[in-house]
């Protein structure tokens, strides 16, 4: 939401508000390292295992993930936590298996 001290958004409305606000301030550029933000949200989710909160991490990217191995490891480590990770590719980049992680299901 742009507030490092209190980064949570409340509900879909809060997510949309943060997204629209970020469009005016965020400049997308590389390297694109996702593992640090996944690990940060995972630490927050791990602190609240009583079912009172659920975390949704929305990542909007315009290119290839620079730390793919670390990102996959962070996602696997977070799999049992009360959180979801949504990765959305925007722009002209080729969003194939090298851009964002893919898992069959």
C-alpha atoms as a PDB file:
ATOM      1  CA  UNK A   1       0.000   0.000   0.000  1.00  0.00           C
ATOM      2  CA  UNK A   2       3.053   2.263   0.015  1.00  0.00           C
ATOM      3  CA  UNK A   3       3.342   2.436   3.813  1.00  0.00           C
ATOM      4  CA  UNK A   4       6.364   0.380   4.904  1.00  0.00           C
ATOM      5  CA  UNK A   5       5.415   0.701   8.579  1.00  0.00           C
ATOM      6  CA  UNK A   6       1.883  -0.651   8.017  1.00  0.00           C
ATOM      7  CA  UNK A   7       1.777  -2.376   4.601  1.00  0.00           C
ATOM      8  CA  UNK A   8      -1.519  -4.241   4.999  1.00  0.00           C
ATOM      9  CA  UNK A   9      -4.548  -3.577   2.799  1.00  0.00           C
ATOM     10  CA  UNK A  10      -8.032  -4.215   4.089  1.00  0.00           C
ATOM     11  CA  UNK A  11     -10.182  -6.237   1.703  1.00  0.00           C
ATOM     12  CA  UNK A  12     -10.372  -6.047  -2.064  1.00  0.00           C
ATOM     13  CA  UNK A  13     -11.177  -2.346  -1.887  1.00  0.00           C
ATOM     14  CA  UNK A  14      -7.906  -1.722  -0.045  1.00  0.00           C
ATOM     15  CA  UNK A  15      -5.949  -3.752  -2.601  1.00  0.00           C
ATOM     16  CA  UNK A  16      -7.509  -1.851  -5.502  1.00  0.00           C
ATOM     17  CA  UNK A  17      -6.871   1.484  -3.806  1.00  0.00           C
ATOM     18  CA  UNK A  18      -3.215   0.579  -3.206  1.00  0.00           C
ATOM     19  CA  UNK A  19      -2.875  -0.609  -6.816  1.00  0.00           C
ATOM     20  CA  UNK A  20      -4.323   2.608  -8.269  1.00  0.00           C
ATOM     21  CA  UNK A  21      -2.131   4.721  -5.967  1.00  0.00           C
ATOM     22  CA  UNK A  22       0.977   2.753  -6.950  1.00  0.00           C
ATOM     23  CA  UNK A  23       0.357   3.298 -10.670  1.00  0.00           C
ATOM     24  CA  UNK A  24       1.273   6.954 -10.145  1.00  0.00           C
ATOM     25  CA  UNK A  25       4.452   6.271  -8.154  1.00  0.00           C
ATOM     26  CA  UNK A  26       6.013   2.941  -9.109  1.00  0.00           C
ATOM     27  CA  UNK A  27       8.605   2.620 -11.859  1.00  0.00           C
ATOM     28  CA  UNK A  28       9.130  -1.016 -12.888  1.00  0.00           C
ATOM     29  CA  UNK A  29      12.762  -1.977 -13.480  1.00  0.00           C
ATOM     30  CA  UNK A  30      15.188  -4.807 -12.759  1.00  0.00           C
ATOM     31  CA  UNK A  31      16.575  -6.825 -11.284  1.00  0.00           C
ATOM     32  CA  UNK A  32      13.317  -8.515 -10.350  1.00  0.00           C
ATOM     33  CA  UNK A  33      13.848 -10.303  -7.029  1.00  0.00           C
ATOM     34  CA  UNK A  34      10.687 -11.825  -5.553  1.00  0.00           C
ATOM     35  CA  UNK A  35      12.152 -14.013  -2.781  1.00  0.00           C
ATOM     36  CA  UNK A  36      12.652 -11.121  -0.313  1.00  0.00           C
ATOM     37  CA  UNK A  37       9.014  -9.988  -0.503  1.00  0.00           C
ATOM     38  CA  UNK A  38       7.663 -13.565  -0.417  1.00  0.00           C
ATOM     39  CA  UNK A  39       9.789 -14.272   2.669  1.00  0.00           C
ATOM     40  CA  UNK A  40       8.662 -10.999   4.302  1.00  0.00           C
ATOM     41  CA  UNK A  41       4.965 -11.816   3.876  1.00  0.00           C
ATOM     42  CA  UNK A  42       5.601 -15.424   4.939  1.00  0.00           C
ATOM     43  CA  UNK A  43       7.120 -14.195   8.218  1.00  0.00           C
ATOM     44  CA  UNK A  44       3.988 -12.119   8.848  1.00  0.00           C
ATOM     45  CA  UNK A  45       1.730 -15.079   8.011  1.00  0.00           C
ATOM     46  CA  UNK A  46       3.761 -17.421  10.236  1.00  0.00           C
ATOM     47  CA  UNK A  47       3.167 -15.074  13.171  1.00  0.00           C
ATOM     48  CA  UNK A  48      -0.628 -15.503  12.883  1.00  0.00           C
ATOM     49  CA  UNK A  49      -1.420 -19.205  12.713  1.00  0.00           C
ATOM     50  CA  UNK A  50      -4.628 -19.017  14.774  1.00  0.00           C
ATOM     51  CA  UNK A  51      -6.823 -18.522  11.689  1.00  0.00           C
ATOM     52  CA  UNK A  52      -7.636 -14.894  12.468  1.00  0.00           C
ATOM     53  CA  UNK A  53      -5.821 -13.512   9.411  1.00  0.00           C
ATOM     54  CA  UNK A  54      -5.112 -14.556   5.830  1.00  0.00           C
ATOM     55  CA  UNK A  55      -2.459 -12.914   3.667  1.00  0.00           C
ATOM     56  CA  UNK A  56      -2.606 -12.332  -0.088  1.00  0.00           C
ATOM     57  CA  UNK A  57       0.579 -11.214  -1.813  1.00  0.00           C
ATOM     58  CA  UNK A  58      -0.104  -9.640  -5.208  1.00  0.00           C
ATOM     59  CA  UNK A  59       3.047  -9.212  -7.290  1.00  0.00           C
ATOM     60  CA  UNK A  60       2.823  -7.276 -10.551  1.00  0.00           C
ATOM     61  CA  UNK A  61       5.873  -7.772 -12.743  1.00  0.00           C
ATOM     62  CA  UNK A  62       7.027  -6.559 -16.126  1.00  0.00           C
ATOM     63  CA  UNK A  63       9.808  -9.043 -16.658  1.00  0.00           C
ATOM     64  CA  UNK A  64      11.795 -12.127 -15.878  1.00  0.00           C
ATOM     65  CA  UNK A  65      12.364 -13.058 -12.228  1.00  0.00           C
ATOM     66  CA  UNK A  66      16.068 -12.589 -11.438  1.00  0.00           C
ATOM     67  CA  UNK A  67      16.100 -14.873  -8.401  1.00  0.00           C
ATOM     68  CA  UNK A  68      14.004 -17.783  -9.704  1.00  0.00           C
ATOM     69  CA  UNK A  69      15.587 -20.521  -7.565  1.00  0.00           C
ATOM     70  CA  UNK A  70      15.237 -18.465  -4.374  1.00  0.00           C
ATOM     71  CA  UNK A  71      11.680 -17.459  -5.317  1.00  0.00           C
ATOM     72  CA  UNK A  72      10.640 -21.091  -5.843  1.00  0.00           C
ATOM     73  CA  UNK A  73      12.191 -22.038  -2.506  1.00  0.00           C
ATOM     74  CA  UNK A  74      10.402 -19.151  -0.749  1.00  0.00           C
ATOM     75  CA  UNK A  75       7.061 -20.157  -2.290  1.00  0.00           C
ATOM     76  CA  UNK A  76       7.507 -23.810  -1.306  1.00  0.00           C
ATOM     77  CA  UNK A  77       8.446 -22.784   2.245  1.00  0.00           C
ATOM     78  CA  UNK A  78       5.318 -20.588   2.451  1.00  0.00           C
ATOM     79  CA  UNK A  79       2.969 -23.274   1.102  1.00  0.00           C
ATOM     80  CA  UNK A  80       1.646 -24.322   4.520  1.00  0.00           C
ATOM     81  CA  UNK A  81       1.053 -20.778   5.735  1.00  0.00           C
ATOM     82  CA  UNK A  82      -2.235 -18.846   5.642  1.00  0.00           C
ATOM     83  CA  UNK A  83      -1.289 -16.975   2.481  1.00  0.00           C
ATOM     84  CA  UNK A  84      -1.730 -16.915  -1.278  1.00  0.00           C
ATOM     85  CA  UNK A  85       0.661 -15.520  -3.863  1.00  0.00           C
ATOM     86  CA  UNK A  86      -0.663 -14.044  -7.093  1.00  0.00           C
ATOM     87  CA  UNK A  87       1.843 -13.094  -9.794  1.00  0.00           C
ATOM     88  CA  UNK A  88       0.584 -10.980 -12.687  1.00  0.00           C
ATOM     89  CA  UNK A  89       2.734 -10.220 -15.733  1.00  0.00           C
ATOM     90  CA  UNK A  90       2.224  -6.877 -17.478  1.00  0.00           C
ATOM     91  CA  UNK A  91       3.863  -5.267 -20.475  1.00  0.00           C
ATOM     92  CA  UNK A  92       5.643  -6.619 -23.509  1.00  0.00           C
ATOM     93  CA  UNK A  93       7.874  -9.269 -21.892  1.00  0.00           C
ATOM     94  CA  UNK A  94       7.640 -12.939 -22.804  1.00  0.00           C
ATOM     95  CA  UNK A  95       5.936 -14.509 -19.786  1.00  0.00           C
ATOM     96  CA  UNK A  96       7.009 -18.101 -20.266  1.00  0.00           C
ATOM     97  CA  UNK A  97       8.494 -20.522 -17.732  1.00  0.00           C
ATOM     98  CA  UNK A  98      11.550 -18.265 -17.391  1.00  0.00           C
ATOM     99  CA  UNK A  99       9.482 -15.220 -16.439  1.00  0.00           C
ATOM    100  CA  UNK A 100       7.263 -16.588 -13.684  1.00  0.00           C
ATOM    101  CA  UNK A 101       7.244 -19.950 -11.904  1.00  0.00           C
ATOM    102  CA  UNK A 102       4.834 -22.558 -13.264  1.00  0.00           C
ATOM    103  CA  UNK A 103       3.567 -25.600 -11.443  1.00  0.00           C
ATOM    104  CA  UNK A 104       1.272 -28.225 -12.840  1.00  0.00           C
ATOM    105  CA  UNK A 105      -1.706 -29.291 -10.858  1.00  0.00           C
END
